[in-house]
Amino acid sequence: MARVTVEDCLEKVPNRFALVILAAERARQLASGASSLVDCENKPAVSALREVAKGWVAFNESVDSTVFQFLEEVKRRGMKAPR
């Protein structure tokens, strides 16, 4: 199977920061036992990116809302927000 690239995923999720949040959440789901939507034997992070690139996973909320919620969680935990 061809390598998945960030550029492939950015066609579906144009914000790199949002892409990381989406792929990380999906990878956590896969690592916890969720069924993969792609037929491959990759690690959860790679499978998650393949699903994003195919447009099979997306945000339930707006991207802006999701990013804002993530940043609020970072602040709540006392972590530094990415720049």
C-alpha atoms as a PDB file:
ATOM      1  CA  MET A   1       0.000   0.000   0.000  1.00  0.00           C
ATOM      2  CA  ALA A   2       1.298   3.481  -0.825  1.00  0.00           C
ATOM      3  CA  ARG A   3       2.602   5.642   1.982  1.00  0.00           C
ATOM      4  CA  VAL A   4       0.128   8.059   3.485  1.00  0.00           C
ATOM      5  CA  THR A   5       1.395  11.621   3.655  1.00  0.00           C
ATOM      6  CA  VAL A   6       0.336  14.651   5.631  1.00  0.00           C
ATOM      7  CA  GLU A   7      -0.514  16.316   2.324  1.00  0.00           C
ATOM      8  CA  ASP A   8      -3.032  13.540   1.578  1.00  0.00           C
ATOM      9  CA  CYS A   9      -4.689  14.150   4.936  1.00  0.00           C
ATOM     10  CA  LEU A  10      -4.656  17.943   4.553  1.00  0.00           C
ATOM     11  CA  GLU A  11      -6.949  17.583   1.538  1.00  0.00           C
ATOM     12  CA  LYS A  12      -9.611  16.377   4.009  1.00  0.00           C
ATOM     13  CA  VAL A  13      -8.621  18.418   7.107  1.00  0.00           C
ATOM     14  CA  PRO A  14      -6.951  21.642   5.916  1.00  0.00           C
ATOM     15  CA  ASN A  15      -5.727  22.705   9.375  1.00  0.00           C
ATOM     16  CA  ARG A  16      -2.546  20.844  10.431  1.00  0.00           C
ATOM     17  CA  PHE A  17      -3.250  21.373  14.116  1.00  0.00           C
ATOM     18  CA  ALA A  18      -6.768  19.983  13.745  1.00  0.00           C
ATOM     19  CA  LEU A  19      -5.384  17.061  11.735  1.00  0.00           C
ATOM     20  CA  VAL A  20      -3.114  16.104  14.632  1.00  0.00           C
ATOM     21  CA  ILE A  21      -6.026  16.237  17.087  1.00  0.00           C
ATOM     22  CA  LEU A  22      -8.262  14.129  14.826  1.00  0.00           C
ATOM     23  CA  ALA A  23      -5.605  11.527  14.015  1.00  0.00           C
ATOM     24  CA  ALA A  24      -4.512  11.242  17.655  1.00  0.00           C
ATOM     25  CA  GLU A  25      -8.072  10.727  18.873  1.00  0.00           C
ATOM     26  CA  ARG A  26      -8.735   8.094  16.204  1.00  0.00           C
ATOM     27  CA  ALA A  27      -5.414   6.358  16.974  1.00  0.00           C
ATOM     28  CA  ARG A  28      -6.424   6.196  20.656  1.00  0.00           C
ATOM     29  CA  GLN A  29      -9.728   4.603  19.647  1.00  0.00           C
ATOM     30  CA  LEU A  30      -7.925   2.030  17.501  1.00  0.00           C
ATOM     31  CA  ALA A  31      -5.399   1.270  20.253  1.00  0.00           C
ATOM     32  CA  SER A  32      -8.321   0.712  22.639  1.00  0.00           C
ATOM     33  CA  GLY A  33      -9.823  -1.936  20.374  1.00  0.00           C
ATOM     34  CA  ALA A  34     -11.980  -0.050  17.852  1.00  0.00           C
ATOM     35  CA  SER A  35     -12.196  -1.684  14.429  1.00  0.00           C
ATOM     36  CA  SER A  36     -10.052  -0.137  11.726  1.00  0.00           C
ATOM     37  CA  LEU A  37     -11.821   1.093   8.611  1.00  0.00           C
ATOM     38  CA  VAL A  38      -8.767   0.338   6.443  1.00  0.00           C
ATOM     39  CA  ASP A  39      -7.405  -3.098   5.669  1.00  0.00           C
ATOM     40  CA  CYS A  40      -3.814  -2.895   6.849  1.00  0.00           C
ATOM     41  CA  GLU A  41      -1.566  -4.204   9.601  1.00  0.00           C
ATOM     42  CA  ASN A  42      -0.126  -0.843  10.625  1.00  0.00           C
ATOM     43  CA  LYS A  43       0.186   0.752  14.018  1.00  0.00           C
ATOM     44  CA  PRO A  44      -2.871   2.725  15.187  1.00  0.00           C
ATOM     45  CA  ALA A  45      -1.386   6.108  14.243  1.00  0.00           C
ATOM     46  CA  VAL A  46      -0.746   5.050  10.640  1.00  0.00           C
ATOM     47  CA  SER A  47      -4.182   3.434  10.334  1.00  0.00           C
ATOM     48  CA  ALA A  48      -5.768   6.621  11.699  1.00  0.00           C
ATOM     49  CA  LEU A  49      -3.959   8.756   9.110  1.00  0.00           C
ATOM     50  CA  ARG A  50      -5.025   6.375   6.325  1.00  0.00           C
ATOM     51  CA  GLU A  51      -8.651   6.709   7.468  1.00  0.00           C
ATOM     52  CA  VAL A  52      -8.372  10.509   7.503  1.00  0.00           C
ATOM     53  CA  ALA A  53      -6.782  10.566   4.034  1.00  0.00           C
ATOM     54  CA  LYS A  54      -9.666   8.483   2.655  1.00  0.00           C
ATOM     55  CA  GLY A  55     -12.194  10.814   4.290  1.00  0.00           C
ATOM     56  CA  TRP A  56     -13.631   8.036   6.450  1.00  0.00           C
ATOM     57  CA  VAL A  57     -13.180   9.862   9.770  1.00  0.00           C
ATOM     58  CA  ALA A  58     -13.985  13.487  10.493  1.00  0.00           C
ATOM     59  CA  PHE A  59     -14.875  15.817  13.320  1.00  0.00           C
ATOM     60  CA  ASN A  60     -18.367  15.655  14.814  1.00  0.00           C
ATOM     61  CA  GLU A  61     -18.058  19.346  15.712  1.00  0.00           C
ATOM     62  CA  SER A  62     -16.556  22.274  13.858  1.00  0.00           C
ATOM     63  CA  VAL A  63     -12.773  22.266  13.568  1.00  0.00           C
ATOM     64  CA  ASP A  64     -12.557  25.623  15.358  1.00  0.00           C
ATOM     65  CA  SER A  65     -14.608  24.314  18.279  1.00  0.00           C
ATOM     66  CA  THR A  66     -12.481  21.177  18.549  1.00  0.00           C
ATOM     67  CA  VAL A  67      -9.205  23.111  18.501  1.00  0.00           C
ATOM     68  CA  PHE A  68     -10.558  25.578  21.079  1.00  0.00           C
ATOM     69  CA  GLN A  69     -11.607  22.714  23.377  1.00  0.00           C
ATOM     70  CA  PHE A  70      -8.165  21.149  23.040  1.00  0.00           C
ATOM     71  CA  LEU A  71      -6.436  24.413  23.943  1.00  0.00           C
ATOM     72  CA  GLU A  72      -8.730  24.866  26.944  1.00  0.00           C
ATOM     73  CA  GLU A  73      -7.830  21.359  28.122  1.00  0.00           C
ATOM     74  CA  VAL A  74      -4.129  22.158  27.735  1.00  0.00           C
ATOM     75  CA  LYS A  75      -4.564  25.284  29.868  1.00  0.00           C
ATOM     76  CA  ARG A  76      -6.602  23.387  32.455  1.00  0.00           C
ATOM     77  CA  ARG A  77      -3.821  20.844  32.832  1.00  0.00           C
ATOM     78  CA  GLY A  78      -1.244  23.622  33.194  1.00  0.00           C
ATOM     79  CA  MET A  79       0.585  22.654  30.029  1.00  0.00           C
ATOM     80  CA  LYS A  80       2.050  25.045  27.481  1.00  0.00           C
ATOM     81  CA  ALA A  81      -0.088  25.521  24.389  1.00  0.00           C
ATOM     82  CA  PRO A  82       1.616  24.802  21.052  1.00  0.00           C
ATOM     83  CA  ARG A  83       2.567  27.773  18.911  1.00  0.00           C
END
